[in-house]
Amino acid sequence: MIEIVAYEPEHIDEIMKNPRRWEMGTSRHPDWSGWKDYWKTHGPAYSLRVDGKVIGSAGVLIEDGIGEAWAVISDCTGKYGKSIYAAIKRGLISILRDNRLKGVEMFVDPGFEQAKHMAKHLGFTEDEPGIVCGMDMIRFWRAC
C-alpha cells in the first residue's frame, strides 16, 4: 500500500540506503544531502512509504511566490509504476494550490532522461538550458 506521509529529514537517510536512487531538481544545492533539514523548514514536502519503507521524498522550496521542486527517489519506485507518478502529481498539485504559487521550476541534468520524463509527466515544460552552480542544466517550468 502506498502512503503519502509528512517529510522528515531521516527519510533521506532511508532512501540513501538503496544503492540506486536518483535526485532531481536539486541542482541549486550541489551538496544536496546537507539540505535535508533545510527542506523540512523551507516549504512543504512529503514522502512516499510502501509497506513501511520510505521510497521517495519530494517537495517545493518557496521564495517570493515561486517554487523550486526537488525530489530524492529510490529505484524501488519502478515496481509501482503509474501509482507513484499519480501520488507525486497529487502532492505537487496540492502544494501549488495551497501555497498560491505563481509557478514552480525544476533544474535537471540534460542527460538525465528519467528525471526529464518525470518532469514532463508532472506538467512541467522544458524551458531553457543554462549553467546552475557551475553545472549544465535544463530549467523546467510549470505555471500555476
N, C-alpha and C. Protein backbone atom coordinates (compact mmCIF):
# COMPACT_ATOMS: atom_id res chain seq x y z
N MET A 1 0.83 -1.18 0.00
CA MET A 1 0.00 0.00 0.00
C MET A 1 0.87 1.25 0.00
N ILE A 2 0.56 2.20 -0.86
CA ILE A 2 1.31 3.45 -0.95
C ILE A 2 0.68 4.48 -0.03
N GLU A 3 1.52 5.06 0.83
CA GLU A 3 1.06 6.12 1.73
C GLU A 3 1.84 7.39 1.43
N ILE A 4 1.17 8.53 1.52
CA ILE A 4 1.85 9.83 1.48
C ILE A 4 1.91 10.32 2.92
N VAL A 5 3.13 10.55 3.40
CA VAL A 5 3.33 10.97 4.80
C VAL A 5 4.13 12.26 4.81
N ALA A 6 4.08 12.96 5.93
CA ALA A 6 4.86 14.19 6.08
C ALA A 6 6.35 13.88 5.97
N TYR A 7 7.07 14.72 5.26
CA TYR A 7 8.52 14.56 5.08
C TYR A 7 9.25 14.77 6.40
N GLU A 8 10.22 13.94 6.65
CA GLU A 8 11.14 14.09 7.77
C GLU A 8 12.56 13.91 7.24
N PRO A 9 13.53 14.67 7.73
CA PRO A 9 14.90 14.57 7.22
C PRO A 9 15.47 13.15 7.22
N GLU A 10 15.11 12.34 8.20
CA GLU A 10 15.64 10.98 8.24
C GLU A 10 15.13 10.11 7.11
N HIS A 11 14.07 10.55 6.41
CA HIS A 11 13.61 9.80 5.25
C HIS A 11 14.68 9.75 4.16
N ILE A 12 15.45 10.84 4.03
CA ILE A 12 16.53 10.86 3.03
C ILE A 12 17.56 9.79 3.36
N ASP A 13 17.89 9.65 4.64
CA ASP A 13 18.84 8.61 5.04
C ASP A 13 18.34 7.23 4.66
N GLU A 14 17.05 7.00 4.84
CA GLU A 14 16.48 5.69 4.49
C GLU A 14 16.56 5.45 2.98
N ILE A 15 16.25 6.48 2.20
CA ILE A 15 16.33 6.35 0.73
C ILE A 15 17.77 6.09 0.31
N MET A 16 18.72 6.75 0.96
CA MET A 16 20.13 6.63 0.59
C MET A 16 20.68 5.24 0.86
N LYS A 17 20.00 4.44 1.65
CA LYS A 17 20.44 3.06 1.88
C LYS A 17 20.30 2.22 0.63
N ASN A 18 19.42 2.66 -0.28
CA ASN A 18 19.23 1.96 -1.53
C ASN A 18 20.43 2.26 -2.42
N PRO A 19 21.10 1.27 -2.96
CA PRO A 19 22.30 1.53 -3.74
C PRO A 19 22.04 2.31 -5.03
N ARG A 20 20.80 2.30 -5.51
CA ARG A 20 20.47 3.05 -6.72
C ARG A 20 19.31 3.96 -6.41
N ARG A 21 19.50 5.25 -6.65
CA ARG A 21 18.43 6.22 -6.48
C ARG A 21 18.74 7.39 -7.39
N TRP A 22 17.82 8.31 -7.48
CA TRP A 22 18.08 9.47 -8.32
C TRP A 22 17.50 10.71 -7.68
N GLU A 23 18.11 11.82 -8.03
CA GLU A 23 17.70 13.09 -7.48
C GLU A 23 17.33 14.01 -8.64
N MET A 24 16.35 14.84 -8.45
CA MET A 24 16.04 15.83 -9.48
C MET A 24 15.66 17.13 -8.80
N GLY A 25 15.93 18.19 -9.50
CA GLY A 25 15.52 19.49 -9.01
C GLY A 25 16.38 20.01 -7.88
N THR A 26 17.53 19.39 -7.63
CA THR A 26 18.34 19.82 -6.50
C THR A 26 19.62 20.51 -6.95
N SER A 27 19.66 20.92 -8.19
CA SER A 27 20.91 21.41 -8.75
C SER A 27 21.41 22.71 -8.14
N ARG A 28 20.53 23.50 -7.58
CA ARG A 28 20.99 24.73 -6.94
C ARG A 28 21.72 24.42 -5.64
N HIS A 29 21.63 23.20 -5.21
CA HIS A 29 22.22 22.78 -3.95
C HIS A 29 23.08 21.55 -4.21
N PRO A 30 24.25 21.73 -4.82
CA PRO A 30 25.06 20.58 -5.23
C PRO A 30 25.33 19.59 -4.10
N ASP A 31 25.54 20.07 -2.88
CA ASP A 31 25.71 19.17 -1.75
C ASP A 31 24.33 18.94 -1.13
N TRP A 32 23.43 18.34 -1.93
CA TRP A 32 22.03 18.27 -1.53
C TRP A 32 21.79 17.54 -0.23
N SER A 33 22.65 16.58 0.13
CA SER A 33 22.43 15.83 1.37
C SER A 33 22.49 16.76 2.58
N GLY A 34 23.22 17.85 2.48
CA GLY A 34 23.29 18.82 3.55
C GLY A 34 22.02 19.66 3.67
N TRP A 35 21.12 19.49 2.71
CA TRP A 35 19.90 20.31 2.68
C TRP A 35 18.68 19.59 3.25
N LYS A 36 18.84 18.37 3.70
CA LYS A 36 17.65 17.62 4.13
C LYS A 36 16.91 18.30 5.27
N ASP A 37 17.60 18.96 6.20
CA ASP A 37 16.92 19.70 7.27
C ASP A 37 16.31 20.99 6.73
N TYR A 38 17.00 21.63 5.80
CA TYR A 38 16.51 22.86 5.18
C TYR A 38 15.18 22.60 4.48
N TRP A 39 15.08 21.48 3.77
CA TRP A 39 13.85 21.15 3.05
C TRP A 39 12.67 21.05 4.01
N LYS A 40 12.92 20.59 5.22
CA LYS A 40 11.85 20.42 6.22
C LYS A 40 11.27 21.78 6.63
N THR A 41 12.08 22.81 6.66
CA THR A 41 11.64 24.11 7.19
C THR A 41 11.37 25.17 6.14
N HIS A 42 11.63 24.90 4.86
CA HIS A 42 11.50 25.95 3.83
C HIS A 42 10.55 25.58 2.71
N GLY A 43 9.51 24.91 3.04
CA GLY A 43 8.50 24.59 2.04
C GLY A 43 7.87 23.25 2.33
N PRO A 44 6.70 23.03 1.78
CA PRO A 44 6.02 21.76 2.01
C PRO A 44 6.75 20.61 1.33
N ALA A 45 6.71 19.46 1.98
CA ALA A 45 7.35 18.26 1.43
C ALA A 45 6.65 17.02 1.97
N TYR A 46 6.69 15.98 1.17
CA TYR A 46 6.05 14.72 1.51
C TYR A 46 6.99 13.57 1.20
N SER A 47 6.70 12.43 1.79
CA SER A 47 7.43 11.21 1.48
C SER A 47 6.43 10.14 1.09
N LEU A 48 6.90 9.21 0.26
CA LEU A 48 6.10 8.05 -0.14
C LEU A 48 6.61 6.85 0.63
N ARG A 49 5.68 6.15 1.26
CA ARG A 49 6.04 4.97 2.02
C ARG A 49 5.24 3.79 1.48
N VAL A 50 5.91 2.68 1.26
CA VAL A 50 5.27 1.46 0.80
C VAL A 50 5.65 0.35 1.77
N ASP A 51 4.65 -0.27 2.34
CA ASP A 51 4.87 -1.36 3.30
C ASP A 51 5.85 -0.96 4.38
N GLY A 52 5.72 0.26 4.89
CA GLY A 52 6.55 0.75 5.98
C GLY A 52 7.91 1.27 5.58
N LYS A 53 8.26 1.21 4.29
CA LYS A 53 9.57 1.63 3.82
C LYS A 53 9.44 2.91 2.99
N VAL A 54 10.23 3.94 3.33
CA VAL A 54 10.21 5.18 2.56
C VAL A 54 10.97 4.95 1.26
N ILE A 55 10.30 5.22 0.13
CA ILE A 55 10.93 5.00 -1.17
C ILE A 55 11.14 6.29 -1.95
N GLY A 56 10.67 7.42 -1.40
CA GLY A 56 10.89 8.69 -2.08
C GLY A 56 10.41 9.86 -1.25
N SER A 57 11.05 11.00 -1.47
CA SER A 57 10.64 12.26 -0.84
C SER A 57 10.68 13.34 -1.90
N ALA A 58 9.75 14.28 -1.80
CA ALA A 58 9.70 15.39 -2.76
C ALA A 58 9.04 16.58 -2.09
N GLY A 59 9.35 17.74 -2.62
CA GLY A 59 8.75 18.95 -2.08
C GLY A 59 9.04 20.15 -2.95
N VAL A 60 8.69 21.30 -2.42
CA VAL A 60 8.89 22.56 -3.14
C VAL A 60 9.43 23.59 -2.17
N LEU A 61 10.61 24.13 -2.47
CA LEU A 61 11.14 25.27 -1.73
C LEU A 61 10.41 26.50 -2.24
N ILE A 62 9.98 27.38 -1.35
CA ILE A 62 9.18 28.52 -1.77
C ILE A 62 9.87 29.82 -1.39
N GLU A 63 9.95 30.73 -2.37
CA GLU A 63 10.52 32.06 -2.14
C GLU A 63 9.84 33.04 -3.10
N ASP A 64 9.27 34.08 -2.55
CA ASP A 64 8.63 35.15 -3.35
C ASP A 64 7.59 34.62 -4.33
N GLY A 65 6.79 33.67 -3.91
CA GLY A 65 5.71 33.16 -4.75
C GLY A 65 6.12 32.21 -5.85
N ILE A 66 7.41 31.87 -5.90
CA ILE A 66 7.92 30.92 -6.89
C ILE A 66 8.46 29.71 -6.13
N GLY A 67 8.18 28.53 -6.65
CA GLY A 67 8.67 27.32 -6.02
C GLY A 67 9.80 26.68 -6.81
N GLU A 68 10.64 25.95 -6.13
CA GLU A 68 11.67 25.13 -6.78
C GLU A 68 11.44 23.69 -6.32
N ALA A 69 11.03 22.85 -7.25
CA ALA A 69 10.73 21.45 -6.93
C ALA A 69 12.01 20.66 -6.73
N TRP A 70 11.95 19.69 -5.83
CA TRP A 70 13.07 18.79 -5.59
C TRP A 70 12.51 17.39 -5.33
N ALA A 71 13.31 16.39 -5.54
CA ALA A 71 12.92 15.02 -5.24
C ALA A 71 14.15 14.15 -5.06
N VAL A 72 14.05 13.19 -4.18
CA VAL A 72 15.05 12.14 -4.00
C VAL A 72 14.25 10.84 -3.96
N ILE A 73 14.48 9.98 -4.95
CA ILE A 73 13.62 8.82 -5.14
C ILE A 73 14.43 7.55 -5.33
N SER A 74 14.04 6.51 -4.64
CA SER A 74 14.68 5.21 -4.76
C SER A 74 14.27 4.56 -6.07
N ASP A 75 15.11 3.70 -6.60
CA ASP A 75 14.72 2.98 -7.82
C ASP A 75 13.63 1.95 -7.53
N CYS A 76 13.30 1.74 -6.27
CA CYS A 76 12.19 0.84 -5.92
C CYS A 76 10.86 1.35 -6.45
N THR A 77 10.78 2.62 -6.77
CA THR A 77 9.51 3.19 -7.24
C THR A 77 9.09 2.55 -8.56
N GLY A 78 10.03 2.05 -9.33
CA GLY A 78 9.70 1.44 -10.61
C GLY A 78 8.73 0.27 -10.49
N LYS A 79 8.74 -0.39 -9.36
CA LYS A 79 7.84 -1.52 -9.14
C LYS A 79 6.37 -1.09 -9.11
N TYR A 80 6.15 0.19 -8.81
CA TYR A 80 4.79 0.67 -8.59
C TYR A 80 4.29 1.56 -9.72
N GLY A 81 5.14 1.79 -10.72
CA GLY A 81 4.77 2.47 -11.95
C GLY A 81 3.93 3.72 -11.79
N LYS A 82 2.79 3.71 -12.47
CA LYS A 82 1.94 4.90 -12.54
C LYS A 82 1.37 5.31 -11.19
N SER A 83 1.27 4.40 -10.25
CA SER A 83 0.77 4.75 -8.92
C SER A 83 1.67 5.78 -8.25
N ILE A 84 2.99 5.62 -8.43
CA ILE A 84 3.95 6.56 -7.84
C ILE A 84 3.83 7.92 -8.52
N TYR A 85 3.79 7.95 -9.86
CA TYR A 85 3.63 9.21 -10.57
C TYR A 85 2.37 9.93 -10.12
N ALA A 86 1.27 9.18 -10.00
CA ALA A 86 0.00 9.78 -9.60
C ALA A 86 0.09 10.38 -8.19
N ALA A 87 0.74 9.68 -7.27
CA ALA A 87 0.88 10.18 -5.90
C ALA A 87 1.72 11.45 -5.87
N ILE A 88 2.83 11.46 -6.61
CA ILE A 88 3.69 12.66 -6.65
C ILE A 88 2.94 13.83 -7.29
N LYS A 89 2.21 13.56 -8.36
CA LYS A 89 1.46 14.63 -9.04
C LYS A 89 0.38 15.21 -8.12
N ARG A 90 -0.33 14.35 -7.38
CA ARG A 90 -1.34 14.84 -6.42
C ARG A 90 -0.69 15.73 -5.37
N GLY A 91 0.46 15.31 -4.86
CA GLY A 91 1.17 16.11 -3.86
C GLY A 91 1.60 17.45 -4.41
N LEU A 92 2.12 17.46 -5.65
CA LEU A 92 2.56 18.70 -6.28
C LEU A 92 1.38 19.65 -6.49
N ILE A 93 0.28 19.13 -7.01
CA ILE A 93 -0.90 19.97 -7.25
C ILE A 93 -1.41 20.55 -5.93
N SER A 94 -1.39 19.76 -4.88
CA SER A 94 -1.82 20.24 -3.57
C SER A 94 -0.91 21.37 -3.08
N ILE A 95 0.40 21.21 -3.24
CA ILE A 95 1.35 22.24 -2.83
C ILE A 95 1.11 23.52 -3.61
N LEU A 96 0.94 23.41 -4.92
CA LEU A 96 0.73 24.60 -5.76
C LEU A 96 -0.54 25.33 -5.34
N ARG A 97 -1.60 24.59 -5.14
CA ARG A 97 -2.90 25.18 -4.78
C ARG A 97 -2.84 25.80 -3.38
N ASP A 98 -2.35 25.06 -2.42
CA ASP A 98 -2.37 25.51 -1.03
C ASP A 98 -1.47 26.72 -0.78
N ASN A 99 -0.43 26.88 -1.59
CA ASN A 99 0.53 27.98 -1.38
C ASN A 99 0.37 29.12 -2.38
N ARG A 100 -0.61 29.01 -3.26
CA ARG A 100 -0.92 30.05 -4.25
C ARG A 100 0.34 30.55 -4.97
N LEU A 101 1.10 29.60 -5.49
CA LEU A 101 2.34 29.93 -6.18
C LEU A 101 2.06 30.47 -7.58
N LYS A 102 2.94 31.34 -8.05
CA LYS A 102 2.88 31.84 -9.44
C LYS A 102 3.35 30.75 -10.39
N GLY A 103 4.27 29.95 -9.93
CA GLY A 103 4.81 28.87 -10.73
C GLY A 103 5.87 28.12 -9.95
N VAL A 104 6.35 27.06 -10.55
CA VAL A 104 7.40 26.27 -9.91
C VAL A 104 8.40 25.84 -10.98
N GLU A 105 9.67 25.86 -10.63
CA GLU A 105 10.73 25.47 -11.56
C GLU A 105 11.46 24.26 -11.02
N MET A 106 12.14 23.59 -11.92
CA MET A 106 12.93 22.42 -11.58
C MET A 106 14.15 22.42 -12.50
N PHE A 107 15.29 22.08 -11.98
CA PHE A 107 16.51 22.03 -12.77
C PHE A 107 16.97 20.58 -12.90
N VAL A 108 17.21 20.15 -14.14
CA VAL A 108 17.52 18.75 -14.41
C VAL A 108 18.76 18.66 -15.30
N ASP A 109 19.61 17.72 -14.99
CA ASP A 109 20.78 17.43 -15.83
C ASP A 109 20.28 17.04 -17.22
N PRO A 110 20.82 17.64 -18.29
CA PRO A 110 20.32 17.36 -19.64
C PRO A 110 20.44 15.89 -20.06
N GLY A 111 21.34 15.13 -19.47
CA GLY A 111 21.49 13.73 -19.82
C GLY A 111 20.66 12.78 -18.96
N PHE A 112 19.89 13.32 -18.06
CA PHE A 112 19.15 12.51 -17.11
C PHE A 112 17.71 12.31 -17.62
N GLU A 113 17.57 11.33 -18.50
CA GLU A 113 16.30 11.11 -19.20
C GLU A 113 15.15 10.78 -18.26
N GLN A 114 15.40 10.01 -17.22
CA GLN A 114 14.33 9.62 -16.30
C GLN A 114 13.75 10.86 -15.59
N ALA A 115 14.62 11.77 -15.17
CA ALA A 115 14.14 12.98 -14.50
C ALA A 115 13.40 13.89 -15.48
N LYS A 116 13.90 14.00 -16.72
CA LYS A 116 13.21 14.82 -17.72
C LYS A 116 11.82 14.25 -18.01
N HIS A 117 11.73 12.93 -18.12
CA HIS A 117 10.45 12.27 -18.35
C HIS A 117 9.48 12.56 -17.20
N MET A 118 9.98 12.44 -15.98
CA MET A 118 9.11 12.68 -14.83
C MET A 118 8.66 14.14 -14.78
N ALA A 119 9.56 15.08 -15.06
CA ALA A 119 9.19 16.50 -15.06
C ALA A 119 8.05 16.75 -16.04
N LYS A 120 8.17 16.19 -17.22
CA LYS A 120 7.12 16.38 -18.23
C LYS A 120 5.81 15.72 -17.80
N HIS A 121 5.91 14.55 -17.19
CA HIS A 121 4.71 13.85 -16.71
C HIS A 121 4.00 14.66 -15.62
N LEU A 122 4.76 15.41 -14.83
CA LEU A 122 4.19 16.22 -13.76
C LEU A 122 3.65 17.56 -14.25
N GLY A 123 3.72 17.79 -15.56
CA GLY A 123 3.15 19.01 -16.12
C GLY A 123 4.13 20.15 -16.34
N PHE A 124 5.42 19.87 -16.19
CA PHE A 124 6.45 20.88 -16.45
C PHE A 124 6.75 20.90 -17.94
N THR A 125 7.13 22.06 -18.44
CA THR A 125 7.59 22.17 -19.82
C THR A 125 9.06 22.55 -19.81
N GLU A 126 9.79 22.01 -20.77
CA GLU A 126 11.21 22.32 -20.88
C GLU A 126 11.34 23.77 -21.29
N ASP A 127 12.14 24.52 -20.57
CA ASP A 127 12.23 25.96 -20.79
C ASP A 127 13.54 26.34 -21.48
N GLU A 128 14.62 26.32 -20.75
CA GLU A 128 15.89 26.78 -21.34
C GLU A 128 17.07 26.11 -20.66
N PRO A 129 18.12 25.85 -21.43
CA PRO A 129 19.34 25.33 -20.81
C PRO A 129 20.10 26.48 -20.16
N GLY A 130 20.94 26.15 -19.22
CA GLY A 130 21.75 27.17 -18.57
C GLY A 130 22.75 26.55 -17.63
N ILE A 131 23.51 27.38 -16.98
CA ILE A 131 24.51 26.94 -16.01
C ILE A 131 23.96 27.26 -14.63
N VAL A 132 23.87 26.25 -13.79
CA VAL A 132 23.39 26.42 -12.43
C VAL A 132 24.44 25.82 -11.51
N CYS A 133 24.99 26.64 -10.62
CA CYS A 133 26.04 26.18 -9.71
C CYS A 133 27.19 25.52 -10.48
N GLY A 134 27.52 26.08 -11.62
CA GLY A 134 28.63 25.58 -12.42
C GLY A 134 28.33 24.31 -13.20
N MET A 135 27.06 23.90 -13.22
CA MET A 135 26.68 22.67 -13.91
C MET A 135 25.71 22.99 -15.04
N ASP A 136 25.86 22.28 -16.17
CA ASP A 136 24.89 22.42 -17.25
C ASP A 136 23.58 21.81 -16.80
N MET A 137 22.50 22.57 -16.93
CA MET A 137 21.19 22.11 -16.51
C MET A 137 20.13 22.58 -17.50
N ILE A 138 18.99 21.93 -17.45
CA ILE A 138 17.82 22.39 -18.19
C ILE A 138 16.79 22.82 -17.16
N ARG A 139 16.26 24.01 -17.38
CA ARG A 139 15.19 24.52 -16.50
C ARG A 139 13.85 24.04 -17.04
N PHE A 140 13.04 23.48 -16.15
CA PHE A 140 11.66 23.12 -16.47
C PHE A 140 10.77 24.06 -15.67
N TRP A 141 9.63 24.44 -16.24
CA TRP A 141 8.75 25.42 -15.61
C TRP A 141 7.32 24.89 -15.65
N ARG A 142 6.58 25.15 -14.59
CA ARG A 142 5.16 24.86 -14.55
C ARG A 142 4.47 26.08 -13.97
N ALA A 143 3.66 26.75 -14.79
CA ALA A 143 2.90 27.90 -14.33
C ALA A 143 1.70 27.42 -13.52
N CYS A 144 1.25 28.24 -12.64
CA CYS A 144 0.11 27.88 -11.80
C CYS A 144 -1.13 28.66 -12.21
